Protein backbone atom coordinates (compact mmCIF):
# COMPACT_ATOMS: atom_id res chain seq x y z
CA MET A 1 -31.33 28.66 15.34
CA THR A 2 -27.69 30.21 15.33
CA GLU A 3 -24.73 28.25 14.46
CA SER A 4 -23.58 27.92 17.89
CA GLN A 5 -26.99 26.92 19.17
CA SER A 6 -26.97 24.27 16.56
CA ARG A 7 -23.58 23.04 17.50
CA SER A 8 -24.57 22.90 21.21
CA VAL A 9 -27.84 20.92 20.27
CA GLY A 10 -25.46 18.61 18.24
CA THR A 11 -22.88 18.04 20.95
CA ALA A 12 -25.63 17.52 23.65
CA ALA A 13 -27.18 14.56 21.42
CA VAL A 14 -23.82 13.23 21.09
CA ASP A 15 -23.52 13.25 25.16
CA GLN A 16 -26.76 11.72 25.50
CA ALA A 17 -26.24 8.92 23.05
CA LEU A 18 -22.94 8.15 24.43
CA ALA A 19 -24.34 7.80 27.99
CA ASP A 20 -27.09 5.50 26.82
CA LEU A 21 -24.67 3.41 24.94
CA SER A 22 -22.39 3.29 28.00
CA GLU A 23 -25.48 1.60 29.82
CA GLY A 24 -26.36 -0.28 26.53
CA GLU A 25 -22.90 -1.87 26.72
CA LYS A 26 -23.95 -3.74 29.81
CA VAL A 27 -27.13 -5.06 28.40
CA TRP A 28 -25.51 -6.21 25.36
CA ALA A 29 -22.75 -8.11 27.36
CA GLY A 30 -25.39 -9.81 29.13
CA LEU A 31 -27.35 -11.15 25.86
CA SER A 32 -26.70 -14.79 24.83
CA LEU A 33 -25.44 -15.68 21.21
CA ALA A 34 -29.19 -16.94 20.62
CA GLU A 35 -30.63 -13.77 21.78
CA ARG A 36 -28.12 -11.76 19.56
CA GLY A 37 -29.14 -14.09 16.76
CA ARG A 38 -32.92 -13.00 17.30
CA LEU A 39 -31.84 -9.51 17.06
CA LEU A 40 -30.32 -9.93 13.71
CA ASP A 41 -33.38 -11.75 12.53
CA ARG A 42 -35.61 -8.95 13.49
CA VAL A 43 -33.30 -6.33 11.57
CA HIS A 44 -33.42 -8.87 8.53
CA GLU A 45 -37.23 -8.79 8.68
CA LEU A 46 -37.49 -4.99 9.01
CA THR A 47 -34.89 -4.39 6.34
CA VAL A 48 -37.43 -6.24 4.02
CA ALA A 49 -40.49 -4.73 5.41
CA HIS A 50 -39.15 -1.32 5.19
CA ALA A 51 -37.17 -1.56 1.69
CA GLN A 52 -39.52 0.46 -0.29
CA GLU A 53 -39.26 3.42 1.91
CA TRP A 54 -35.54 2.98 2.07
CA VAL A 55 -35.22 2.94 -1.61
CA ASP A 56 -37.73 5.90 -2.01
CA ALA A 57 -35.61 7.91 0.18
CA ALA A 58 -32.28 6.94 -1.43
CA ALA A 59 -33.88 7.81 -4.92
CA GLY A 60 -34.96 11.07 -3.65
CA ILE A 61 -31.49 11.80 -2.57
CA LYS A 62 -30.07 10.78 -6.17
CA GLY A 63 -32.60 12.38 -7.93
CA LEU A 64 -33.92 9.05 -9.71
CA SER A 65 -37.55 9.17 -10.90
CA ALA A 66 -40.13 6.46 -9.74
CA ALA A 67 -39.66 4.91 -13.20
CA SER A 68 -36.19 4.83 -13.60
CA PRO A 69 -34.55 1.35 -13.98
CA LEU A 70 -31.32 2.91 -12.00
CA ARG A 71 -33.35 2.63 -9.08
CA GLY A 72 -32.22 -1.04 -9.19
CA GLU A 73 -28.79 0.19 -7.73
CA GLU A 74 -30.68 1.38 -4.74
CA TRP A 75 -32.46 -1.89 -4.24
CA MET A 76 -29.41 -3.97 -4.60
CA SER A 77 -26.72 -1.52 -2.72
CA GLY A 78 -29.25 -0.79 0.03
CA PRO A 79 -31.84 -2.97 1.48
CA TYR A 80 -30.52 -6.22 -0.42
CA ALA A 81 -27.21 -5.86 0.76
CA VAL A 82 -28.27 -5.39 4.36
CA ALA A 83 -30.80 -8.39 4.18
CA THR A 84 -28.33 -10.85 2.92
CA ALA A 85 -25.75 -9.76 5.56
CA THR A 86 -27.81 -9.97 8.47
CA ALA A 87 -29.11 -13.61 7.23
CA LEU A 88 -25.57 -14.66 7.15
CA LEU A 89 -24.43 -13.05 10.36
CA SER A 90 -27.48 -14.54 12.04
CA ALA A 91 -26.18 -18.22 10.56
CA SER A 92 -22.81 -17.56 12.01
CA VAL A 93 -24.05 -16.63 15.39
CA ALA A 94 -26.47 -19.40 15.51
CA LYS A 95 -23.38 -22.02 14.79
CA LEU A 96 -21.42 -20.56 17.56
CA ALA A 97 -24.22 -20.71 19.74
CA ARG A 98 -24.13 -24.49 18.93
CA GLY A 99 -20.47 -24.74 19.68
CA GLU A 100 -19.59 -24.82 15.98
CA SER A 101 -17.45 -22.93 13.90
CA PRO A 102 -18.89 -20.34 11.51
CA LEU A 103 -16.57 -22.08 9.08
CA ALA A 104 -18.14 -25.68 9.59
CA GLY A 105 -18.94 -27.16 6.49
CA ALA A 106 -16.90 -24.40 4.46
CA ASP A 107 -15.22 -25.42 1.14
CA PHE A 108 -11.41 -24.92 1.37
CA GLY A 109 -9.02 -24.72 -1.43
CA THR A 110 -5.55 -23.34 -2.10
CA ALA A 111 -4.10 -20.25 -3.81
CA PRO A 112 -0.71 -19.12 -5.20
CA GLY A 113 1.93 -18.97 -2.52
CA GLY A 114 0.67 -21.87 -0.43
CA ARG A 115 -2.31 -19.77 0.65
CA THR A 116 -5.60 -21.51 1.95
CA THR A 117 -8.88 -20.17 0.59
CA VAL A 118 -12.44 -20.19 1.86
CA GLN A 119 -15.48 -20.30 -0.63
CA VAL A 120 -17.91 -17.48 0.03
CA LEU A 121 -20.13 -17.46 -2.84
CA PRO A 122 -21.84 -19.60 -3.72
CA LEU A 123 -23.06 -20.77 -0.42
CA SER A 124 -26.31 -22.29 -1.38
CA VAL A 125 -28.43 -23.65 -4.35
CA TYR A 126 -30.17 -20.39 -4.51
CA ASP A 127 -26.52 -18.70 -4.95
CA ARG A 128 -25.81 -21.02 -7.89
CA LEU A 129 -29.14 -20.32 -9.73
CA LEU A 130 -29.29 -16.55 -8.99
CA LEU A 131 -25.62 -15.74 -9.55
CA SER A 132 -24.88 -18.66 -11.72
CA GLY A 133 -21.32 -18.67 -13.01
CA PHE A 134 -20.16 -16.21 -10.22
CA SER A 135 -17.83 -17.18 -7.36
CA ALA A 136 -15.79 -15.57 -4.59
CA GLU A 137 -13.37 -16.98 -2.22
CA VAL A 138 -11.26 -15.44 0.50
CA TRP A 139 -7.71 -15.86 0.61
CA LEU A 140 -6.25 -16.13 4.13
CA GLU A 141 -2.94 -14.79 5.22
CA PRO A 142 0.11 -16.86 4.19
CA GLY A 143 0.47 -19.61 6.70
CA VAL A 144 -2.91 -19.95 7.99
CA ASP A 145 -4.50 -23.25 7.29
CA GLY A 146 -8.10 -24.58 7.08
CA ALA A 147 -8.11 -26.02 10.57
CA THR A 148 -6.59 -22.69 12.03
CA ALA A 149 -9.40 -20.64 10.12
CA ARG A 150 -11.95 -22.97 11.63
CA ARG A 151 -10.78 -22.45 15.11
CA GLU A 152 -10.29 -18.73 14.87
CA ALA A 153 -13.55 -18.01 13.08
CA GLY A 154 -16.01 -16.23 14.97
CA LEU A 155 -14.13 -13.03 16.15
CA ALA A 156 -15.34 -11.26 19.01
CA GLN A 157 -18.19 -13.47 19.39
CA ARG A 158 -16.27 -16.42 20.51
CA ASP A 159 -16.52 -14.52 23.90
CA PRO A 160 -19.52 -12.45 23.72
CA SER A 161 -19.51 -11.31 27.36
CA ARG A 162 -16.21 -9.42 26.69
CA THR A 163 -17.18 -6.20 25.10
CA ALA A 164 -15.17 -3.62 23.51
CA GLY A 165 -16.68 -0.56 24.65
CA VAL A 166 -18.12 2.08 22.37
CA GLY A 167 -17.44 2.46 18.86
CA ALA A 168 -18.17 5.55 16.64
CA VAL A 169 -19.13 4.89 12.96
CA LEU A 170 -18.91 7.63 10.49
CA GLY A 171 -21.48 6.62 7.62
CA ALA A 172 -20.78 7.03 4.12
CA GLY A 173 -22.53 9.60 1.78
CA ASN A 174 -22.99 7.38 -1.58
CA ILE A 175 -23.88 3.98 -0.95
CA THR A 176 -26.78 3.58 1.66
CA SER A 177 -26.15 0.18 2.91
CA ILE A 178 -22.66 1.11 4.03
CA ALA A 179 -23.48 2.97 7.37
CA PRO A 180 -25.84 -0.09 8.52
CA LEU A 181 -23.37 -2.97 7.60
CA ASP A 182 -20.37 -0.92 9.21
CA THR A 183 -22.69 -0.63 12.41
CA LEU A 184 -23.60 -4.28 12.30
CA TYR A 185 -19.89 -5.42 11.71
CA GLU A 186 -18.78 -3.54 14.70
CA LEU A 187 -21.36 -5.05 17.04
CA ILE A 188 -20.78 -8.45 16.01
CA ALA A 189 -17.29 -8.64 14.71
CA HIS A 190 -15.95 -6.53 17.33
CA ASN A 191 -18.60 -6.52 19.98
CA ARG A 192 -18.68 -2.82 20.25
CA VAL A 193 -22.03 -0.91 20.81
CA VAL A 194 -22.17 1.96 18.25
CA ALA A 195 -22.87 5.45 17.73
CA LEU A 196 -23.70 5.82 14.08
CA LYS A 197 -23.10 9.40 12.94
CA LEU A 198 -24.80 9.77 9.28
CA ASN A 199 -23.18 11.62 6.41
CA PRO A 200 -25.49 14.89 5.95
CA ILE A 201 -26.02 13.65 2.53
CA THR A 202 -28.03 10.62 3.71
CA ASP A 203 -30.00 12.47 6.55
CA PRO A 204 -33.25 11.68 4.73
CA LEU A 205 -32.59 8.04 5.50
CA LEU A 206 -32.63 8.73 9.22
CA PRO A 207 -36.40 7.57 9.70
CA VAL A 208 -36.16 4.45 7.69
CA LEU A 209 -32.49 3.27 9.29
CA THR A 210 -34.35 4.25 12.80
CA LYS A 211 -36.98 1.62 12.06
CA VAL A 212 -34.62 -0.98 10.56
CA LEU A 213 -32.25 -0.94 13.57
CA ASP A 214 -34.71 -0.45 16.11
CA PRO A 215 -33.94 -3.79 17.82
CA PHE A 216 -30.46 -2.70 18.48
CA ILE A 217 -31.50 0.94 19.51
CA ALA A 218 -34.24 -0.65 21.83
CA ILE A 219 -31.58 -2.22 24.13
CA GLY A 220 -29.14 0.67 23.97
CA ALA A 221 -26.59 -1.02 21.78
CA VAL A 222 -27.02 1.57 18.77
CA ARG A 223 -27.74 5.25 18.53
CA ILE A 224 -27.84 7.26 15.30
CA LEU A 225 -26.69 10.86 15.19
CA THR A 226 -26.92 13.56 12.56
CA GLY A 227 -24.96 16.82 12.05
CA GLY A 228 -22.39 18.38 10.49
CA ALA A 229 -18.41 18.00 10.47
CA ASP A 230 -18.57 19.63 13.88
CA VAL A 231 -20.70 16.89 15.31
CA GLY A 232 -18.52 14.06 13.82
CA SER A 233 -15.35 15.76 15.21
CA TYR A 234 -16.87 16.05 18.77
CA LEU A 235 -17.95 12.48 18.55
CA VAL A 236 -14.72 10.78 17.64
CA GLN A 237 -13.01 12.82 20.34
CA HIS A 238 -15.18 12.04 22.97
CA ASP A 239 -13.82 10.38 26.05
CA LEU A 240 -16.66 7.62 25.95
CA VAL A 241 -15.52 6.69 22.57
CA ASP A 242 -13.36 3.86 22.44
CA HIS A 243 -12.78 3.22 18.64
CA VAL A 244 -13.48 4.98 15.35
CA HIS A 245 -14.54 3.44 11.99
CA MET A 246 -15.09 5.92 8.95
CA THR A 247 -15.65 5.56 5.17
CA GLY A 248 -14.76 8.51 3.06
CA SER A 249 -11.66 10.10 1.80
CA ALA A 250 -7.90 9.66 2.72
CA LEU A 251 -8.04 13.43 3.35
CA THR A 252 -10.93 13.05 5.61
CA HIS A 253 -9.14 10.52 7.49
CA ASP A 254 -5.98 12.49 7.84
CA ALA A 255 -7.85 15.39 9.30
CA ILE A 256 -9.57 13.20 11.88
CA VAL A 257 -6.39 11.36 12.89
CA PHE A 258 -3.64 14.35 12.55
CA GLY A 259 -5.89 17.50 12.22
CA THR A 260 -5.91 20.12 9.28
CA GLY A 261 -3.66 22.72 7.71
CA GLU A 262 0.21 23.13 8.51
CA GLU A 263 -0.18 21.62 12.00
CA GLY A 264 -1.98 18.47 10.61
CA ALA A 265 0.77 18.10 7.89
CA ARG A 266 3.57 18.48 10.62
CA ARG A 267 1.81 15.86 12.93
CA LYS A 268 1.43 13.52 9.97
CA ALA A 269 5.05 13.61 9.21
CA ALA A 270 5.96 13.29 12.71
CA GLY A 271 3.68 10.33 13.47
CA ASP A 272 2.06 12.29 16.05
CA PRO A 273 -1.79 12.02 15.88
CA ILE A 274 -4.23 13.96 17.74
CA LEU A 275 -6.87 11.18 17.77
CA ASP A 276 -5.97 8.93 21.01
CA LYS A 277 -7.81 5.87 19.94
CA GLU A 278 -7.66 3.17 17.22
CA ILE A 279 -9.47 4.19 14.02
CA SER A 280 -10.38 1.71 11.13
CA SER A 281 -11.30 2.79 7.67
CA GLU A 282 -12.32 2.25 4.09
CA LEU A 283 -11.27 5.16 1.84
CA GLY A 284 -11.41 4.09 -1.90
CA GLY A 285 -8.70 5.09 -4.20
CA VAL A 286 -8.05 5.13 -8.06
CA SER A 287 -9.31 1.51 -9.24
CA PRO A 288 -7.75 0.05 -12.33
CA THR A 289 -9.41 -2.33 -14.77
CA VAL A 290 -6.91 -4.26 -16.60
CA VAL A 291 -7.90 -5.86 -20.04
CA LEU A 292 -5.90 -8.58 -20.90
CA PRO A 293 -5.52 -8.70 -24.90
CA GLY A 294 -6.91 -11.74 -26.77
CA GLU A 295 -9.18 -12.61 -29.75
CA TRP A 296 -12.56 -11.31 -28.86
CA SER A 297 -16.07 -11.41 -30.96
CA ARG A 298 -17.81 -8.37 -31.67
CA ALA A 299 -20.44 -9.30 -29.21
CA ASP A 300 -17.79 -9.94 -26.61
CA ILE A 301 -16.28 -6.48 -27.17
CA GLU A 302 -19.63 -4.83 -26.76
CA PHE A 303 -20.54 -6.56 -23.65
CA GLN A 304 -17.31 -5.86 -22.09
CA ALA A 305 -17.46 -2.13 -22.90
CA GLU A 306 -21.14 -2.00 -21.26
CA HIS A 307 -19.32 -4.08 -18.31
CA LEU A 308 -16.63 -1.42 -18.04
CA ALA A 309 -18.84 1.61 -18.42
CA THR A 310 -20.86 0.07 -15.50
CA GLN A 311 -17.61 -0.09 -13.41
CA ARG A 312 -17.23 3.48 -13.77
CA LEU A 313 -21.06 4.86 -14.05
CA HIS A 314 -22.69 2.90 -11.26
CA ASN A 315 -24.05 5.47 -8.73
CA ASN A 316 -22.79 7.95 -11.31
CA GLY A 317 -19.12 7.28 -10.25
CA TYR A 318 -19.59 7.92 -6.65
CA ASN A 319 -18.31 4.73 -5.58
CA CYS A 320 -15.17 4.10 -3.51
CA VAL A 321 -14.47 1.13 -5.96
CA ALA A 322 -15.50 2.72 -9.11
CA SER A 323 -13.10 1.88 -11.86
CA GLN A 324 -11.08 5.16 -13.09
CA VAL A 325 -8.36 3.83 -15.25
CA VAL A 326 -8.55 1.04 -17.96
CA VAL A 327 -5.18 -0.46 -18.69
CA LEU A 328 -4.70 -1.85 -22.25
CA SER A 329 -2.17 -3.28 -24.28
CA ALA A 330 -0.69 -1.11 -26.96
CA GLN A 331 -0.02 -3.93 -28.92
CA TRP A 332 -3.60 -5.60 -28.79
CA PRO A 333 -5.07 -5.67 -32.37
CA GLN A 334 -8.57 -4.99 -31.34
CA ARG A 335 -7.66 -2.00 -29.09
CA GLU A 336 -9.11 0.69 -31.32
CA GLU A 337 -12.30 -1.55 -31.84
CA PHE A 338 -12.60 -1.84 -28.15
CA LEU A 339 -12.08 1.88 -27.42
CA ALA A 340 -14.78 2.90 -29.98
CA ALA A 341 -17.17 0.40 -28.32
CA LEU A 342 -16.45 1.68 -24.90
CA ARG A 343 -16.84 5.47 -26.04
CA ALA A 344 -20.35 4.38 -27.17
CA ALA A 345 -21.23 2.68 -24.22
CA ILE A 346 -20.33 5.45 -21.93
CA ASP A 347 -22.11 8.07 -24.30
CA ARG A 348 -25.34 6.07 -24.44
CA ALA A 349 -25.57 5.08 -20.66
CA PRO A 350 -28.63 6.76 -19.10
CA ALA A 351 -28.42 10.09 -17.89
CA ARG A 352 -28.71 11.08 -14.23
CA PRO A 353 -28.09 13.97 -11.74
CA ALA A 354 -24.68 14.86 -10.42
CA TYR A 355 -26.14 14.54 -6.90
CA TYR A 356 -22.73 14.26 -5.02
CA PRO A 357 -21.10 17.38 -3.74
CA GLY A 358 -18.38 18.67 -5.89
CA SER A 359 -18.88 16.29 -8.73
CA ASP A 360 -19.03 19.05 -11.32
CA ASP A 361 -15.92 20.44 -9.98
CA ARG A 362 -13.95 17.29 -10.29
CA VAL A 363 -15.23 16.79 -13.76
CA ALA A 364 -13.92 20.32 -14.50
CA LYS A 365 -10.54 19.67 -12.75
CA ALA A 366 -10.09 16.45 -14.79
CA THR A 367 -10.62 18.36 -18.19
CA THR A 368 -8.43 21.16 -17.09
CA THR A 369 -5.66 18.67 -16.34
CA TYR A 370 -6.46 16.83 -19.81
CA PRO A 371 -7.83 19.40 -22.03
CA ASP A 372 -8.00 16.94 -25.04
CA ALA A 373 -10.38 14.65 -22.89
CA GLU A 374 -13.71 13.71 -24.66
CA ARG A 375 -17.12 14.86 -23.20
CA LEU A 376 -19.57 12.16 -23.63
CA GLY A 377 -23.16 11.61 -22.42
CA GLY A 378 -24.32 15.35 -23.21
CA GLY A 379 -21.12 16.61 -21.78
CA ALA A 380 -21.69 15.05 -18.31
CA ARG A 381 -18.96 12.42 -18.54
CA VAL A 382 -15.23 12.40 -19.36
CA LEU A 383 -13.09 9.84 -21.35
CA VAL A 384 -9.27 10.57 -21.06
CA SER A 385 -7.38 8.56 -23.43
CA GLY A 386 -4.27 8.83 -26.01
CA LEU A 387 -1.95 9.77 -23.11
CA ARG A 388 1.84 9.42 -23.16
CA PRO A 389 3.39 7.76 -20.01
CA GLU A 390 4.30 11.21 -18.41
CA GLN A 391 0.83 12.06 -18.46
CA PHE A 392 -0.31 9.28 -16.28
CA PRO A 393 0.37 10.40 -12.85
CA PRO A 394 -2.60 12.71 -12.20
CA LEU A 395 -5.14 10.16 -13.51
CA LEU A 396 -3.54 7.66 -11.22
CA GLU A 397 -3.31 9.61 -8.28
CA THR A 398 -6.39 11.74 -7.88
CA GLU A 399 -9.69 9.89 -7.14
CA TYR A 400 -12.16 11.88 -9.04
CA PHE A 401 -15.30 10.47 -7.62
CA ALA A 402 -17.17 11.37 -10.49
CA PRO A 403 -18.05 10.26 -14.24
CA VAL A 404 -14.39 10.47 -15.30
CA LEU A 405 -12.91 7.37 -16.92
CA GLY A 406 -9.07 7.31 -18.18
CA VAL A 407 -7.24 4.68 -20.39
CA ILE A 408 -3.69 4.27 -20.17
CA GLU A 409 -1.60 1.78 -22.69
CA LEU A 410 1.34 -0.28 -22.01
CA PRO A 411 4.03 -1.15 -24.59
CA SER A 412 3.78 -5.05 -24.04
CA THR A 413 1.47 -8.17 -24.63
CA GLY A 414 0.74 -11.52 -23.35
CA ALA A 415 2.56 -12.60 -20.17
CA GLU A 416 4.79 -9.62 -20.36
CA PHE A 417 1.69 -7.35 -20.25
CA ALA A 418 0.19 -9.18 -17.24
CA THR A 419 3.17 -8.68 -15.33
CA GLN A 420 3.78 -5.23 -16.40
CA ALA A 421 0.02 -4.03 -15.47
CA ALA A 422 0.24 -5.58 -12.17
CA ALA A 423 3.64 -3.77 -11.37
CA VAL A 424 1.76 -0.54 -12.60
CA ALA A 425 -1.46 -1.17 -10.61
CA ASN A 426 0.74 -1.86 -7.42
CA GLU A 427 3.31 0.92 -7.66
CA GLN A 428 1.67 4.01 -9.59
CA PHE A 429 -2.04 3.68 -8.38
CA VAL A 430 -3.10 5.29 -5.45
CA GLY A 431 -5.35 2.93 -3.16
CA THR A 432 -5.49 -0.92 -2.84
CA LEU A 433 -9.51 -1.48 -2.51
CA GLY A 434 -10.17 -3.09 -5.62
CA VAL A 435 -8.83 -4.16 -9.04
CA ASN A 436 -10.66 -5.61 -12.05
CA VAL A 437 -9.17 -7.90 -14.76
CA ILE A 438 -11.11 -8.71 -17.76
CA ALA A 439 -9.75 -11.65 -19.83
CA HIS A 440 -11.05 -14.12 -22.44
CA PRO A 441 -11.15 -17.56 -21.15
CA HIS A 442 -8.77 -18.74 -23.58
CA THR A 443 -6.30 -15.93 -22.43
CA ILE A 444 -6.27 -17.09 -18.91
CA ARG A 445 -6.06 -20.84 -20.19
CA ASP A 446 -2.93 -19.74 -22.33
CA LEU A 447 -1.33 -17.78 -19.48
CA GLY A 448 -1.75 -20.48 -17.15
CA GLY A 449 0.68 -19.99 -14.12
CA ASP A 450 1.48 -16.44 -15.19
CA PHE A 451 -2.08 -15.61 -14.72
CA ASP A 452 -2.12 -17.04 -11.35
CA ALA A 453 1.02 -15.15 -10.52
CA MET A 454 -0.55 -11.75 -11.77
CA LEU A 455 -3.38 -12.56 -9.40
CA GLU A 456 -1.06 -13.22 -6.46
CA ASN A 457 0.89 -10.12 -7.12
CA LEU A 458 -2.01 -7.83 -7.12
CA ARG A 459 -2.04 -5.91 -3.59
CA TYR A 460 -5.56 -5.27 -3.52
CA GLY A 461 -8.38 -6.07 -0.91
CA THR A 462 -10.70 -7.34 -3.82
CA ILE A 463 -9.85 -8.74 -7.07
CA ALA A 464 -12.59 -9.32 -9.73
CA VAL A 465 -11.86 -11.57 -12.70
CA ASN A 466 -14.58 -11.04 -15.41
CA ALA A 467 -16.59 -9.27 -12.81
CA TRP A 468 -16.84 -5.90 -11.05
CA THR A 469 -15.43 -5.60 -7.60
CA GLY A 470 -18.64 -4.42 -6.63
CA VAL A 471 -19.94 -7.96 -6.69
CA GLY A 472 -17.52 -8.46 -3.79
CA TYR A 473 -19.29 -5.56 -2.03
CA LEU A 474 -22.51 -7.36 -2.25
CA SER A 475 -21.38 -10.76 -1.33
CA ALA A 476 -21.98 -10.90 2.39
CA ALA A 477 -19.63 -13.44 3.28
CA ALA A 478 -16.86 -11.80 1.15
CA THR A 479 -14.44 -9.34 3.16
CA TRP A 480 -14.21 -5.76 2.22
CA GLY A 481 -11.41 -3.43 2.66
CA ALA A 482 -7.84 -2.45 1.69
CA PHE A 483 -4.93 -4.86 1.10
CA PRO A 484 -3.73 -5.18 4.58
CA GLY A 485 -0.58 -3.34 5.89
CA HIS A 486 -1.42 0.32 5.74
CA THR A 487 -0.33 2.65 8.37
CA LEU A 488 -2.02 5.70 9.72
CA GLU A 489 0.71 7.63 8.11
CA ASP A 490 0.25 5.91 4.66
CA VAL A 491 -3.34 4.89 4.92
CA GLN A 492 -3.85 4.44 1.06
CA SER A 493 -7.54 2.65 1.12
CA GLY A 494 -7.73 2.10 4.80
CA ILE A 495 -7.03 -0.05 7.45
CA GLY A 496 -9.17 -3.06 8.39
CA ILE A 497 -12.20 -4.83 6.92
CA VAL A 498 -15.89 -5.07 7.13
CA HIS A 499 -18.70 -7.38 5.84
CA ASN A 500 -17.04 -10.76 6.24
CA ALA A 501 -20.20 -12.43 7.74
CA LEU A 502 -18.60 -15.66 8.21
CA LEU A 503 -16.35 -13.93 10.73
CA ILE A 504 -13.19 -15.10 9.01
CA ASP A 505 -10.05 -14.08 10.95
CA ARG A 506 -6.68 -13.23 9.40
CA SER A 507 -8.08 -12.57 5.71
CA GLU A 508 -5.72 -11.19 3.10
CA ARG A 509 -8.11 -10.54 0.27
CA THR A 510 -11.31 -11.70 -1.66
CA VAL A 511 -11.00 -12.95 -5.34
CA VAL A 512 -14.41 -12.68 -7.30
CA ARG A 513 -14.98 -14.59 -10.48
CA GLY A 514 -17.54 -14.23 -13.24
CA PRO A 515 -18.58 -15.29 -16.62
CA PHE A 516 -17.00 -13.62 -19.38
CA ARG A 517 -20.29 -13.74 -21.52
CA PRO A 518 -23.83 -13.38 -20.66
CA SER A 519 -26.32 -16.55 -21.16
CA PRO A 520 -26.96 -17.67 -23.70
CA ARG A 521 -23.73 -17.15 -25.36
CA SER A 522 -21.83 -18.28 -22.16
CA LEU A 523 -23.44 -21.77 -22.69
CA LEU A 524 -22.83 -21.67 -26.44
CA HIS A 525 -19.04 -21.31 -25.86
CA GLY A 526 -18.67 -23.75 -22.83
CA GLU A 527 -19.19 -21.53 -19.87
CA MET A 528 -21.19 -22.93 -17.19
CA SER A 529 -23.26 -19.88 -16.57
CA ILE A 530 -26.97 -19.03 -17.28
CA SER A 531 -26.62 -15.51 -16.04
CA PRO A 532 -28.08 -12.98 -18.43
CA LYS A 533 -26.93 -9.37 -18.44
CA PRO A 534 -26.48 -8.49 -14.63
CA PRO A 535 -28.91 -6.45 -12.91
CA TRP A 536 -26.43 -4.01 -11.61
CA PHE A 537 -25.39 -2.93 -15.31
CA VAL A 538 -26.44 0.42 -16.00
CA THR A 539 -27.80 -0.54 -19.14
CA ASN A 540 -30.21 -3.17 -17.54
CA ARG A 541 -33.84 -2.27 -18.38
CA THR A 542 -35.37 -4.08 -15.65
CA ALA A 543 -32.87 -3.51 -12.92
CA SER A 544 -35.36 -1.72 -10.71
CA THR A 545 -37.65 -4.80 -10.96
CA THR A 546 -35.20 -7.40 -10.64
CA GLY A 547 -33.54 -5.55 -7.55
CA ARG A 548 -37.02 -5.26 -5.69
CA LEU A 549 -37.67 -9.04 -6.51
CA LEU A 550 -34.12 -9.93 -5.40
CA THR A 551 -34.53 -7.96 -2.03
CA GLY A 552 -38.02 -10.00 -1.56
CA PHE A 553 -36.43 -13.16 -2.10
CA ALA A 554 -33.69 -12.27 0.31
CA GLY A 555 -36.18 -11.80 3.03
CA ASP A 556 -37.96 -14.94 2.30
CA PRO A 557 -36.14 -17.33 -0.10
CA SER A 558 -38.60 -19.61 -1.87
CA TRP A 559 -38.49 -21.61 -4.98
CA MET A 560 -41.90 -20.01 -5.71
CA ARG A 561 -40.27 -16.76 -6.12
CA LEU A 562 -37.85 -17.59 -8.64
CA PRO A 563 -39.93 -17.64 -11.87
CA ALA A 564 -40.79 -13.94 -11.56
CA LEU A 565 -37.18 -13.19 -10.58
CA PHE A 566 -35.78 -15.04 -13.74
CA ALA A 567 -38.57 -13.62 -15.94
CA SER A 568 -37.30 -9.94 -14.97
CA ALA A 569 -33.68 -10.66 -15.07
CA LEU A 570 -33.82 -12.17 -18.61
CA ARG A 571 -36.00 -9.14 -19.79
CA GLY A 572 -33.00 -6.96 -18.71
């Protein structure tokens, strides 16, 4: 088949899919909330039933052997994430069907600046056991109180017969749950039927995603498309598409919105888009991890070094929220000890293929920019440290999307360091998707209001304290997306949110917290957490088994499933 014939086949498939969806929207509009809930329940069942096929396909894309513990990443960021999301979305729709708010029974609190918060993790006794010591809360926009949040929760499902046309979803090529989760959010939160265009990297997932999403495909509410950039461009510009949602880079976003080359640059400068419809997006950026200085034990240093290595090396660094830059205090007495532990953790992390296109080129670019960078892990990973302030900008402004980690140091300590680190993160880093903060519990206690002020000042969509922001991604009720306020001309990490299975309106950010130490050290030091080394750590030896068991549990929560799950987690 010639290139023009292939393009013709692709555009014909788009035409047919959108014609189907135009009819399917009428069917979707006529479904009751109870019927929509049953569709979500069926997707939930199919996700778990086909989870092994899903993981096998994902592992094939990423070159992971059948015995690799790294397959745990594919279990947890693939079918597990979709299984938990569909269960919670179904529960929210069921509450609406009963005339209740999805936030009925929710725990509300307060945050700095007079904000109201909604607890989104834990939501059940199982959460408290399986993610012991972890929590997450959604901070609402200033001025939104609990009563307003309850009243407005439900988003478009508060009026299910009022549909919003056809949405085009451009799927991501890195994390395999992104495309189906974005599809579900369009359907439920925005009441739009969906044309899902897969990233070519994930085309091998087409058979299993077709099976998983079949309940929505069968009624004409979803169509799945494949093809290259030409098909994606034809889709988003199509007259039958009312809205576009994408996950990817800011460069791709700008190409869709304004076009490419000199003409695209001119249009962007003039605020003159070629896209004649709204677009929402999740675009990544350069994520920092701020390490607040304190007095740490050797075990603390080694654990948090592994934690930081995971934040960079999970999925080999091909995550929109992978930590790229560590922010340290130059005055921290344990700085060198921590850097040595971090260097060792990066070096000994399991080897894996550089499957994402352009990864090797981006690693080479980093080493060209920083010729003194260290090559670790057999040369596959890069650690950049010892920089002067004038050398910071390329590291803070370029999302390498590869196993490249940098370290910058600020000349302050204590509350001054917390304030300075937040200012640098806000003003010098590209993107606002996620920021991590690692701090000894005593440091948090001693900083008091200064620590709270730091969290308030950080303008990021997800903030993780002694956890990785990836936990926010995996928490179905948490919001996921950039800090609000970006524009088409300065899109940063995107516009809008996804996930948000409680269908909360007017959210500002999600704040995730975790234990500083794993069990049993956590208990010995007064932290109320029985969590061992988390299964998403790249060094977890039983991650694949634990991920499989977690997915099975998400499909059928039962006390009988817990012993095997705990046993696997403890062996990790």
